[in-house]
Amino acid sequence: MTYCAQCGSQVPDGAAFCPKCGKPAASPVVPTTKKRSKGLLIVLGCGILLFLVFVVGIIAALLVPNFLDALQKSRQKRAMVEMQRIGQTVEAYKAEHEYAPAATDMAGLAAALGPDYASVIPRLDPWQHPYRYACWQESPSEKGCDHYRIASAGRDGKFEQLDLKAYEPAEFDTIQYDRDIVFGDGAFIVQPRRIK
């Protein structure tokens, strides 16, 4: 069954003119099933698109926080590895000279260690904040610094103590990314709690 393209009336099969408006039936005649199927396809396509956006949103809501958490944990671990490596270098210097390098910052530490170590001593932690270094002498019988500390301020870049000597041994939850990490005298003073 077909319909007139001009007035929409039903045109009998094989008729040359529309019985209602008299226009030639040879003009384009549009079957109703095609109009309906095209509209149905548009609605169905929009529904599928909305469903896909919804699914992608849920997946992103689940994965993005986990990715950011993993990124912070990896920075925390990298800071600990770098600080331990710096500490090993300071310990080697201390074994050779009987005291820690006298310096008040990382640039001074690199200079005190000599040109062989200057390029391998990182100045910035994984969060791109400066590491801190300090040494001091407690025993009057020592030739120089008998204690030292290396510290990272963590994600926020704000140190909890002004004086590196003030840090007491402590552990904190690994998800506390703003906490300071402190290495000194061959071991970590303040560090994330190890998972057992």
N, C-alpha and C. Protein backbone atom coordinates (compact mmCIF):
# COMPACT_ATOMS: atom_id res chain seq x y z
N MET A 1 0.85 -1.17 0.00
CA MET A 1 0.00 0.00 0.00
C MET A 1 0.90 1.23 0.00
N THR A 2 0.55 2.24 -0.82
CA THR A 2 1.34 3.47 -0.91
C THR A 2 0.46 4.65 -0.56
N TYR A 3 1.12 5.81 -0.31
CA TYR A 3 0.43 7.04 0.07
C TYR A 3 0.91 8.17 -0.82
N CYS A 4 0.02 9.16 -1.02
CA CYS A 4 0.34 10.31 -1.86
C CYS A 4 1.40 11.16 -1.17
N ALA A 5 2.41 11.56 -1.93
CA ALA A 5 3.49 12.38 -1.38
C ALA A 5 3.01 13.80 -1.11
N GLN A 6 1.91 14.25 -1.72
CA GLN A 6 1.42 15.62 -1.56
C GLN A 6 0.47 15.77 -0.37
N CYS A 7 -0.56 14.88 -0.33
CA CYS A 7 -1.57 15.04 0.72
C CYS A 7 -1.56 13.92 1.75
N GLY A 8 -0.84 12.83 1.48
CA GLY A 8 -0.73 11.74 2.42
C GLY A 8 -1.86 10.74 2.35
N SER A 9 -2.79 10.88 1.41
CA SER A 9 -3.92 9.95 1.28
C SER A 9 -3.44 8.63 0.70
N GLN A 10 -4.25 7.61 0.96
CA GLN A 10 -3.93 6.29 0.45
C GLN A 10 -4.24 6.25 -1.06
N VAL A 11 -3.26 5.74 -1.83
CA VAL A 11 -3.41 5.64 -3.29
C VAL A 11 -3.49 4.16 -3.65
N PRO A 12 -4.56 3.75 -4.35
CA PRO A 12 -4.67 2.34 -4.74
C PRO A 12 -3.51 1.96 -5.67
N ASP A 13 -3.08 0.69 -5.56
CA ASP A 13 -1.99 0.21 -6.40
C ASP A 13 -2.35 0.36 -7.88
N GLY A 14 -1.41 0.90 -8.66
CA GLY A 14 -1.58 1.06 -10.10
C GLY A 14 -2.32 2.32 -10.51
N ALA A 15 -2.82 3.15 -9.55
CA ALA A 15 -3.55 4.36 -9.89
C ALA A 15 -2.57 5.41 -10.41
N ALA A 16 -3.00 6.19 -11.43
CA ALA A 16 -2.16 7.21 -12.04
C ALA A 16 -2.26 8.52 -11.29
N PHE A 17 -3.40 8.78 -10.61
CA PHE A 17 -3.62 10.03 -9.88
C PHE A 17 -4.14 9.72 -8.48
N CYS A 18 -3.88 10.65 -7.56
CA CYS A 18 -4.38 10.52 -6.20
C CYS A 18 -5.88 10.77 -6.22
N PRO A 19 -6.68 9.90 -5.61
CA PRO A 19 -8.12 10.08 -5.65
C PRO A 19 -8.58 11.30 -4.84
N LYS A 20 -7.81 11.80 -3.91
CA LYS A 20 -8.23 12.92 -3.06
C LYS A 20 -7.80 14.27 -3.62
N CYS A 21 -6.47 14.42 -3.95
CA CYS A 21 -5.99 15.72 -4.40
C CYS A 21 -5.84 15.82 -5.91
N GLY A 22 -5.85 14.72 -6.62
CA GLY A 22 -5.76 14.72 -8.07
C GLY A 22 -4.37 14.88 -8.62
N LYS A 23 -3.38 14.94 -7.79
CA LYS A 23 -2.00 15.06 -8.24
C LYS A 23 -1.57 13.73 -8.84
N PRO A 24 -0.58 13.78 -9.77
CA PRO A 24 -0.13 12.52 -10.39
C PRO A 24 0.48 11.59 -9.34
N ALA A 25 0.12 10.34 -9.43
CA ALA A 25 0.65 9.33 -8.52
C ALA A 25 2.09 8.99 -8.88
N ALA A 26 2.56 9.47 -10.07
CA ALA A 26 3.93 9.21 -10.49
C ALA A 26 4.93 9.99 -9.65
N SER A 27 4.42 11.02 -8.91
CA SER A 27 5.33 11.74 -8.02
C SER A 27 5.77 10.80 -6.92
N PRO A 28 6.87 11.13 -6.27
CA PRO A 28 7.42 10.19 -5.30
C PRO A 28 6.38 9.77 -4.26
N VAL A 29 6.27 8.49 -4.10
CA VAL A 29 5.37 7.92 -3.12
C VAL A 29 6.24 7.28 -2.04
N VAL A 30 6.04 7.71 -0.80
CA VAL A 30 6.88 7.25 0.29
C VAL A 30 6.11 6.26 1.14
N PRO A 31 6.61 5.05 1.25
CA PRO A 31 5.93 4.09 2.12
C PRO A 31 6.17 4.46 3.59
N THR A 32 5.20 4.23 4.43
CA THR A 32 5.28 4.62 5.84
C THR A 32 6.29 3.78 6.60
N THR A 33 6.55 2.58 6.20
CA THR A 33 7.47 1.73 6.95
C THR A 33 8.88 2.28 6.90
N LYS A 34 9.29 2.94 5.81
CA LYS A 34 10.63 3.51 5.74
C LYS A 34 10.79 4.69 6.69
N LYS A 35 9.76 5.55 6.79
CA LYS A 35 9.82 6.69 7.70
C LYS A 35 9.96 6.20 9.14
N ARG A 36 9.14 5.22 9.47
CA ARG A 36 9.18 4.71 10.84
C ARG A 36 10.50 4.01 11.14
N SER A 37 11.04 3.23 10.21
CA SER A 37 12.29 2.52 10.48
C SER A 37 13.47 3.48 10.61
N LYS A 38 13.46 4.59 9.85
CA LYS A 38 14.53 5.57 9.95
C LYS A 38 14.49 6.25 11.33
N GLY A 39 13.33 6.63 11.80
CA GLY A 39 13.18 7.24 13.11
C GLY A 39 13.57 6.28 14.22
N LEU A 40 13.19 5.01 14.05
CA LEU A 40 13.55 4.00 15.03
C LEU A 40 15.06 3.81 15.11
N LEU A 41 15.73 3.83 13.94
CA LEU A 41 17.19 3.71 13.93
C LEU A 41 17.86 4.88 14.63
N ILE A 42 17.34 6.09 14.44
CA ILE A 42 17.92 7.27 15.10
C ILE A 42 17.77 7.16 16.61
N VAL A 43 16.58 6.78 17.07
CA VAL A 43 16.34 6.64 18.51
C VAL A 43 17.21 5.53 19.09
N LEU A 44 17.29 4.41 18.38
CA LEU A 44 18.11 3.29 18.84
C LEU A 44 19.59 3.68 18.88
N GLY A 45 20.08 4.40 17.87
CA GLY A 45 21.47 4.85 17.84
C GLY A 45 21.79 5.79 19.00
N CYS A 46 20.87 6.72 19.29
CA CYS A 46 21.07 7.64 20.42
C CYS A 46 21.09 6.87 21.74
N GLY A 47 20.23 5.88 21.87
CA GLY A 47 20.19 5.07 23.08
C GLY A 47 21.49 4.31 23.29
N ILE A 48 22.00 3.72 22.22
CA ILE A 48 23.27 2.98 22.30
C ILE A 48 24.41 3.93 22.65
N LEU A 49 24.42 5.10 22.04
CA LEU A 49 25.46 6.09 22.32
C LEU A 49 25.43 6.51 23.79
N LEU A 50 24.24 6.78 24.33
CA LEU A 50 24.12 7.15 25.74
C LEU A 50 24.59 6.01 26.65
N PHE A 51 24.24 4.78 26.29
CA PHE A 51 24.66 3.63 27.08
C PHE A 51 26.19 3.51 27.08
N LEU A 52 26.82 3.69 25.92
CA LEU A 52 28.28 3.61 25.84
C LEU A 52 28.95 4.71 26.66
N VAL A 53 28.40 5.93 26.60
CA VAL A 53 28.95 7.03 27.40
C VAL A 53 28.83 6.69 28.89
N PHE A 54 27.71 6.11 29.30
CA PHE A 54 27.49 5.72 30.68
C PHE A 54 28.51 4.66 31.11
N VAL A 55 28.73 3.65 30.28
CA VAL A 55 29.67 2.57 30.61
C VAL A 55 31.10 3.12 30.69
N VAL A 56 31.48 3.96 29.73
CA VAL A 56 32.82 4.56 29.75
C VAL A 56 33.00 5.43 31.00
N GLY A 57 31.95 6.15 31.41
CA GLY A 57 32.00 6.97 32.62
C GLY A 57 32.23 6.13 33.87
N ILE A 58 31.54 5.00 33.95
CA ILE A 58 31.71 4.11 35.11
C ILE A 58 33.13 3.54 35.13
N ILE A 59 33.62 3.11 33.99
CA ILE A 59 34.97 2.54 33.92
C ILE A 59 36.00 3.61 34.31
N ALA A 60 35.82 4.82 33.82
CA ALA A 60 36.76 5.90 34.17
C ALA A 60 36.69 6.21 35.66
N ALA A 61 35.48 6.19 36.23
CA ALA A 61 35.34 6.48 37.66
C ALA A 61 36.04 5.43 38.52
N LEU A 62 36.12 4.21 38.01
CA LEU A 62 36.79 3.15 38.75
C LEU A 62 38.30 3.15 38.54
N LEU A 63 38.73 3.41 37.31
CA LEU A 63 40.14 3.28 36.98
C LEU A 63 40.98 4.52 37.29
N VAL A 64 40.44 5.70 37.10
CA VAL A 64 41.23 6.92 37.28
C VAL A 64 41.75 7.07 38.71
N PRO A 65 40.89 6.90 39.75
CA PRO A 65 41.44 7.01 41.11
C PRO A 65 42.51 5.95 41.40
N ASN A 66 42.31 4.74 40.90
CA ASN A 66 43.32 3.69 41.11
C ASN A 66 44.62 4.04 40.41
N PHE A 67 44.52 4.61 39.23
CA PHE A 67 45.72 5.01 38.49
C PHE A 67 46.46 6.12 39.24
N LEU A 68 45.72 7.12 39.74
CA LEU A 68 46.35 8.22 40.47
C LEU A 68 46.98 7.73 41.76
N ASP A 69 46.32 6.79 42.44
CA ASP A 69 46.87 6.22 43.66
C ASP A 69 48.17 5.46 43.36
N ALA A 70 48.15 4.67 42.30
CA ALA A 70 49.35 3.92 41.92
C ALA A 70 50.49 4.87 41.54
N LEU A 71 50.15 5.97 40.89
CA LEU A 71 51.16 6.96 40.51
C LEU A 71 51.83 7.56 41.75
N GLN A 72 51.03 7.91 42.76
CA GLN A 72 51.59 8.47 43.99
C GLN A 72 52.44 7.45 44.75
N LYS A 73 51.99 6.20 44.79
CA LYS A 73 52.77 5.15 45.46
C LYS A 73 54.10 4.94 44.76
N SER A 74 54.10 4.99 43.43
CA SER A 74 55.36 4.80 42.71
C SER A 74 56.31 5.96 42.97
N ARG A 75 55.79 7.17 43.09
CA ARG A 75 56.64 8.32 43.41
C ARG A 75 57.22 8.18 44.82
N GLN A 76 56.40 7.70 45.73
CA GLN A 76 56.85 7.49 47.10
C GLN A 76 57.99 6.46 47.14
N LYS A 77 57.82 5.36 46.41
CA LYS A 77 58.86 4.32 46.37
C LYS A 77 60.12 4.83 45.70
N ARG A 78 59.94 5.60 44.61
CA ARG A 78 61.11 6.14 43.92
C ARG A 78 61.89 7.10 44.81
N ALA A 79 61.17 7.91 45.59
CA ALA A 79 61.84 8.83 46.52
C ALA A 79 62.67 8.04 47.53
N MET A 80 62.11 6.94 48.02
CA MET A 80 62.84 6.13 48.99
C MET A 80 64.09 5.51 48.38
N VAL A 81 63.98 5.05 47.14
CA VAL A 81 65.14 4.45 46.46
C VAL A 81 66.22 5.51 46.25
N GLU A 82 65.81 6.70 45.78
CA GLU A 82 66.79 7.77 45.55
C GLU A 82 67.47 8.19 46.86
N MET A 83 66.68 8.33 47.93
CA MET A 83 67.24 8.75 49.21
C MET A 83 68.19 7.70 49.77
N GLN A 84 67.84 6.44 49.58
CA GLN A 84 68.72 5.36 50.05
C GLN A 84 70.03 5.37 49.26
N ARG A 85 69.94 5.63 47.96
CA ARG A 85 71.16 5.69 47.13
C ARG A 85 72.04 6.88 47.54
N ILE A 86 71.41 8.02 47.80
CA ILE A 86 72.17 9.18 48.28
C ILE A 86 72.81 8.84 49.63
N GLY A 87 72.03 8.20 50.50
CA GLY A 87 72.55 7.81 51.81
C GLY A 87 73.72 6.86 51.71
N GLN A 88 73.68 5.93 50.78
CA GLN A 88 74.81 5.00 50.59
C GLN A 88 76.05 5.76 50.15
N THR A 89 75.87 6.75 49.31
CA THR A 89 76.99 7.57 48.87
C THR A 89 77.58 8.35 50.05
N VAL A 90 76.70 8.91 50.88
CA VAL A 90 77.17 9.64 52.06
C VAL A 90 77.88 8.69 53.02
N GLU A 91 77.35 7.48 53.19
CA GLU A 91 77.97 6.49 54.08
C GLU A 91 79.36 6.09 53.56
N ALA A 92 79.50 5.96 52.24
CA ALA A 92 80.82 5.63 51.67
C ALA A 92 81.81 6.77 51.93
N TYR A 93 81.34 8.00 51.77
CA TYR A 93 82.18 9.16 52.06
C TYR A 93 82.57 9.17 53.54
N LYS A 94 81.58 8.87 54.38
CA LYS A 94 81.80 8.87 55.84
C LYS A 94 82.81 7.79 56.24
N ALA A 95 82.75 6.64 55.59
CA ALA A 95 83.70 5.56 55.89
C ALA A 95 85.12 5.95 55.48
N GLU A 96 85.23 6.68 54.40
CA GLU A 96 86.55 7.08 53.90
C GLU A 96 87.12 8.26 54.69
N HIS A 97 86.30 9.22 55.07
CA HIS A 97 86.79 10.45 55.71
C HIS A 97 86.52 10.51 57.21
N GLU A 98 85.75 9.56 57.74
CA GLU A 98 85.38 9.48 59.14
C GLU A 98 84.35 10.52 59.57
N TYR A 99 83.74 11.21 58.63
CA TYR A 99 82.66 12.15 58.93
C TYR A 99 81.81 12.33 57.67
N ALA A 100 80.58 12.78 57.87
CA ALA A 100 79.67 13.01 56.74
C ALA A 100 80.05 14.32 56.04
N PRO A 101 79.71 14.43 54.75
CA PRO A 101 80.04 15.67 54.03
C PRO A 101 79.35 16.87 54.69
N ALA A 102 80.12 17.90 54.92
CA ALA A 102 79.57 19.12 55.51
C ALA A 102 78.89 19.93 54.41
N ALA A 103 77.56 20.04 54.52
CA ALA A 103 76.79 20.79 53.53
C ALA A 103 75.46 21.17 54.17
N THR A 104 74.81 22.17 53.60
CA THR A 104 73.51 22.60 54.11
C THR A 104 72.37 22.36 53.12
N ASP A 105 72.70 21.90 51.92
CA ASP A 105 71.67 21.59 50.93
C ASP A 105 72.22 20.56 49.94
N MET A 106 71.39 20.17 48.97
CA MET A 106 71.78 19.12 48.02
C MET A 106 72.89 19.58 47.09
N ALA A 107 72.89 20.84 46.69
CA ALA A 107 73.97 21.34 45.83
C ALA A 107 75.30 21.29 46.58
N GLY A 108 75.28 21.67 47.86
CA GLY A 108 76.49 21.61 48.68
C GLY A 108 76.94 20.19 48.89
N LEU A 109 75.99 19.26 49.04
CA LEU A 109 76.33 17.85 49.20
C LEU A 109 77.02 17.33 47.94
N ALA A 110 76.44 17.64 46.78
CA ALA A 110 77.04 17.19 45.52
C ALA A 110 78.45 17.75 45.36
N ALA A 111 78.63 19.01 45.73
CA ALA A 111 79.96 19.63 45.63
C ALA A 111 80.94 18.98 46.61
N ALA A 112 80.48 18.67 47.82
CA ALA A 112 81.35 18.06 48.82
C ALA A 112 81.75 16.64 48.44
N LEU A 113 80.83 15.93 47.77
CA LEU A 113 81.13 14.55 47.35
C LEU A 113 82.10 14.51 46.18
N GLY A 114 82.17 15.58 45.43
CA GLY A 114 83.11 15.63 44.31
C GLY A 114 82.44 15.48 42.97
N PRO A 115 83.19 15.74 41.90
CA PRO A 115 82.61 15.76 40.56
C PRO A 115 82.08 14.39 40.10
N ASP A 116 82.62 13.31 40.65
CA ASP A 116 82.13 11.99 40.24
C ASP A 116 80.69 11.76 40.68
N TYR A 117 80.26 12.39 41.76
CA TYR A 117 78.92 12.17 42.31
C TYR A 117 77.96 13.31 42.01
N ALA A 118 78.48 14.45 41.61
CA ALA A 118 77.64 15.64 41.41
C ALA A 118 76.50 15.38 40.43
N SER A 119 76.75 14.63 39.38
CA SER A 119 75.71 14.40 38.36
C SER A 119 74.71 13.33 38.77
N VAL A 120 75.06 12.47 39.73
CA VAL A 120 74.15 11.40 40.11
C VAL A 120 73.34 11.72 41.37
N ILE A 121 73.61 12.83 42.01
CA ILE A 121 72.84 13.23 43.20
C ILE A 121 71.63 14.02 42.72
N PRO A 122 70.41 13.47 42.86
CA PRO A 122 69.23 14.21 42.42
C PRO A 122 68.96 15.40 43.35
N ARG A 123 68.57 16.49 42.79
CA ARG A 123 68.25 17.68 43.58
C ARG A 123 66.75 17.72 43.91
N LEU A 124 65.92 17.14 43.02
CA LEU A 124 64.46 17.17 43.19
C LEU A 124 63.93 15.77 43.46
N ASP A 125 62.91 15.68 44.29
CA ASP A 125 62.27 14.40 44.56
C ASP A 125 61.28 14.08 43.41
N PRO A 126 60.65 12.93 43.41
CA PRO A 126 59.74 12.57 42.31
C PRO A 126 58.54 13.50 42.14
N TRP A 127 58.20 14.30 43.17
CA TRP A 127 57.13 15.29 43.05
C TRP A 127 57.66 16.63 42.56
N GLN A 128 58.94 16.67 42.20
CA GLN A 128 59.62 17.87 41.70
C GLN A 128 59.78 18.96 42.77
N HIS A 129 59.93 18.54 44.03
CA HIS A 129 60.25 19.44 45.13
C HIS A 129 61.70 19.16 45.54
N PRO A 130 62.41 20.16 46.05
CA PRO A 130 63.81 19.94 46.41
C PRO A 130 63.96 18.99 47.61
N TYR A 131 64.92 18.09 47.49
CA TYR A 131 65.34 17.31 48.65
C TYR A 131 66.07 18.25 49.61
N ARG A 132 66.11 17.88 50.88
CA ARG A 132 66.88 18.65 51.86
C ARG A 132 67.97 17.75 52.43
N TYR A 133 69.10 18.37 52.73
CA TYR A 133 70.22 17.66 53.36
C TYR A 133 70.75 18.55 54.48
N ALA A 134 71.09 17.90 55.58
CA ALA A 134 71.73 18.61 56.69
C ALA A 134 72.62 17.63 57.43
N CYS A 135 73.71 18.14 58.00
CA CYS A 135 74.57 17.32 58.86
C CYS A 135 74.95 18.15 60.07
N TRP A 136 75.32 17.46 61.13
CA TRP A 136 75.72 18.15 62.35
C TRP A 136 76.67 17.27 63.16
N GLN A 137 77.34 17.89 64.07
CA GLN A 137 78.30 17.20 64.92
C GLN A 137 77.77 17.19 66.35
N GLU A 138 77.62 16.00 66.92
CA GLU A 138 77.17 15.88 68.31
C GLU A 138 78.34 15.56 69.24
N SER A 139 79.24 14.73 68.77
CA SER A 139 80.37 14.32 69.61
C SER A 139 81.54 15.28 69.40
N PRO A 140 82.06 15.87 70.46
CA PRO A 140 83.19 16.79 70.31
C PRO A 140 84.48 16.10 69.86
N SER A 141 84.54 14.78 70.00
CA SER A 141 85.75 14.07 69.60
C SER A 141 85.80 13.78 68.10
N GLU A 142 84.68 13.99 67.40
CA GLU A 142 84.65 13.74 65.95
C GLU A 142 85.31 14.89 65.19
N LYS A 143 85.80 14.57 63.98
CA LYS A 143 86.48 15.57 63.15
C LYS A 143 85.49 16.50 62.44
N GLY A 144 84.29 15.99 62.22
CA GLY A 144 83.28 16.76 61.47
C GLY A 144 81.89 16.24 61.81
N CYS A 145 81.00 16.32 60.85
CA CYS A 145 79.61 15.88 61.04
C CYS A 145 79.55 14.38 61.35
N ASP A 146 78.93 14.05 62.46
CA ASP A 146 78.79 12.62 62.78
C ASP A 146 77.35 12.13 62.53
N HIS A 147 76.43 13.03 62.18
CA HIS A 147 75.05 12.67 61.84
C HIS A 147 74.62 13.46 60.59
N TYR A 148 73.70 12.88 59.84
CA TYR A 148 73.16 13.57 58.66
C TYR A 148 71.72 13.13 58.43
N ARG A 149 70.98 13.93 57.68
CA ARG A 149 69.61 13.60 57.29
C ARG A 149 69.39 14.07 55.85
N ILE A 150 68.60 13.26 55.14
CA ILE A 150 68.14 13.60 53.79
C ILE A 150 66.62 13.50 53.87
N ALA A 151 65.90 14.50 53.35
CA ALA A 151 64.44 14.49 53.49
C ALA A 151 63.73 14.90 52.21
N SER A 152 62.57 14.28 52.00
CA SER A 152 61.63 14.66 50.94
C SER A 152 60.35 15.10 51.64
N ALA A 153 59.76 16.19 51.16
CA ALA A 153 58.53 16.71 51.78
C ALA A 153 57.29 15.99 51.31
N GLY A 154 57.42 15.06 50.39
CA GLY A 154 56.23 14.36 49.88
C GLY A 154 55.49 15.18 48.84
N ARG A 155 54.26 14.76 48.58
CA ARG A 155 53.48 15.36 47.49
C ARG A 155 53.23 16.85 47.68
N ASP A 156 52.96 17.30 48.91
CA ASP A 156 52.59 18.71 49.12
C ASP A 156 53.79 19.66 49.12
N GLY A 157 55.00 19.14 49.23
CA GLY A 157 56.19 19.98 49.19
C GLY A 157 56.43 20.80 50.46
N LYS A 158 55.68 20.52 51.53
CA LYS A 158 55.82 21.27 52.79
C LYS A 158 56.44 20.37 53.85
N PHE A 159 57.59 20.78 54.37
CA PHE A 159 58.26 19.99 55.38
C PHE A 159 57.56 20.16 56.73
N GLU A 160 57.43 19.06 57.45
CA GLU A 160 56.77 19.07 58.75
C GLU A 160 57.67 19.66 59.84
N GLN A 161 58.98 19.60 59.67
CA GLN A 161 59.94 20.14 60.64
C GLN A 161 60.90 21.09 59.92
N LEU A 162 61.23 22.18 60.56
CA LEU A 162 62.21 23.10 59.98
C LEU A 162 63.62 22.54 60.12
N ASP A 163 63.90 21.93 61.26
CA ASP A 163 65.22 21.38 61.54
C ASP A 163 65.17 19.87 61.30
N LEU A 164 66.03 19.35 60.44
CA LEU A 164 66.02 17.92 60.13
C LEU A 164 66.38 17.07 61.35
N LYS A 165 67.04 17.64 62.33
CA LYS A 165 67.37 16.89 63.56
C LYS A 165 66.11 16.57 64.37
N ALA A 166 65.05 17.33 64.18
CA ALA A 166 63.85 17.21 65.00
C ALA A 166 62.99 15.98 64.66
N TYR A 167 63.26 15.32 63.57
CA TYR A 167 62.45 14.15 63.19
C TYR A 167 62.73 12.97 64.12
N GLU A 168 61.66 12.39 64.63
CA GLU A 168 61.73 11.20 65.46
C GLU A 168 61.37 9.99 64.59
N PRO A 169 61.88 8.80 64.91
CA PRO A 169 61.53 7.61 64.13
C PRO A 169 60.01 7.40 64.09
N ALA A 170 59.48 7.20 62.89
CA ALA A 170 58.04 7.02 62.73
C ALA A 170 57.74 6.33 61.40
N GLU A 171 56.58 5.69 61.37
CA GLU A 171 56.04 5.12 60.14
C GLU A 171 54.64 5.68 59.93
N PHE A 172 54.21 5.76 58.69
CA PHE A 172 52.87 6.26 58.37
C PHE A 172 52.26 5.40 57.28
N ASP A 173 50.94 5.52 57.10
CA ASP A 173 50.24 4.75 56.08
C ASP A 173 50.74 5.15 54.70
N THR A 174 50.83 4.17 53.82
CA THR A 174 51.37 4.41 52.48
C THR A 174 50.49 5.36 51.65
N ILE A 175 49.25 5.58 52.06
CA ILE A 175 48.39 6.49 51.30
C ILE A 175 48.51 7.93 51.78
N GLN A 176 49.35 8.19 52.76
CA GLN A 176 49.58 9.56 53.22
C GLN A 176 50.74 10.15 52.42
N TYR A 177 50.42 10.61 51.22
CA TYR A 177 51.45 11.05 50.28
C TYR A 177 52.07 12.40 50.63
N ASP A 178 51.43 13.16 51.53
CA ASP A 178 51.97 14.46 51.91
C ASP A 178 52.97 14.36 53.06
N ARG A 179 53.13 13.20 53.64
CA ARG A 179 54.05 13.03 54.76
C ARG A 179 55.50 13.07 54.30
N ASP A 180 56.37 13.58 55.16
CA ASP A 180 57.80 13.65 54.87
C ASP A 180 58.41 12.25 54.96
N ILE A 181 59.41 12.02 54.14
CA ILE A 181 60.21 10.79 54.19
C ILE A 181 61.63 11.24 54.55
N VAL A 182 62.20 10.63 55.58
CA VAL A 182 63.51 11.08 56.07
C VAL A 182 64.45 9.89 56.20
N PHE A 183 65.66 10.06 55.65
CA PHE A 183 66.72 9.05 55.73
C PHE A 183 67.90 9.68 56.43
N GLY A 184 68.55 8.92 57.30
CA GLY A 184 69.73 9.47 57.95
C GLY A 184 70.52 8.41 58.70
N ASP A 185 71.82 8.60 58.74
CA ASP A 185 72.72 7.69 59.45
C ASP A 185 72.53 6.24 59.02
N GLY A 186 72.32 6.03 57.73
CA GLY A 186 72.26 4.68 57.16
C GLY A 186 70.91 3.99 57.21
N ALA A 187 69.85 4.66 57.67
CA ALA A 187 68.53 4.03 57.75
C ALA A 187 67.43 5.08 57.62
N PHE A 188 66.21 4.61 57.32
CA PHE A 188 65.08 5.53 57.26
C PHE A 188 64.65 5.89 58.68
N ILE A 189 64.42 7.17 58.89
CA ILE A 189 63.95 7.67 60.17
C ILE A 189 62.41 7.75 60.12
N VAL A 190 61.90 8.36 59.07
CA VAL A 190 60.45 8.48 58.85
C VAL A 190 60.17 7.87 57.47
N GLN A 191 59.22 6.92 57.45
CA GLN A 191 58.95 6.22 56.18
C GLN A 191 57.54 5.67 56.15
N PRO A 192 57.04 5.33 54.95
CA PRO A 192 55.74 4.65 54.87
C PRO A 192 55.83 3.27 55.51
N ARG A 193 54.73 2.86 56.14
CA ARG A 193 54.68 1.55 56.79
C ARG A 193 54.77 0.46 55.74
N ARG A 194 55.62 -0.50 56.00
CA ARG A 194 55.79 -1.62 55.07
C ARG A 194 54.65 -2.60 55.24
N ILE A 195 54.13 -3.09 54.11
CA ILE A 195 53.07 -4.10 54.15
C ILE A 195 53.69 -5.45 54.46
N LYS A 196 53.15 -6.11 55.45
CA LYS A 196 53.73 -7.40 55.88
C LYS A 196 52.93 -8.56 55.37
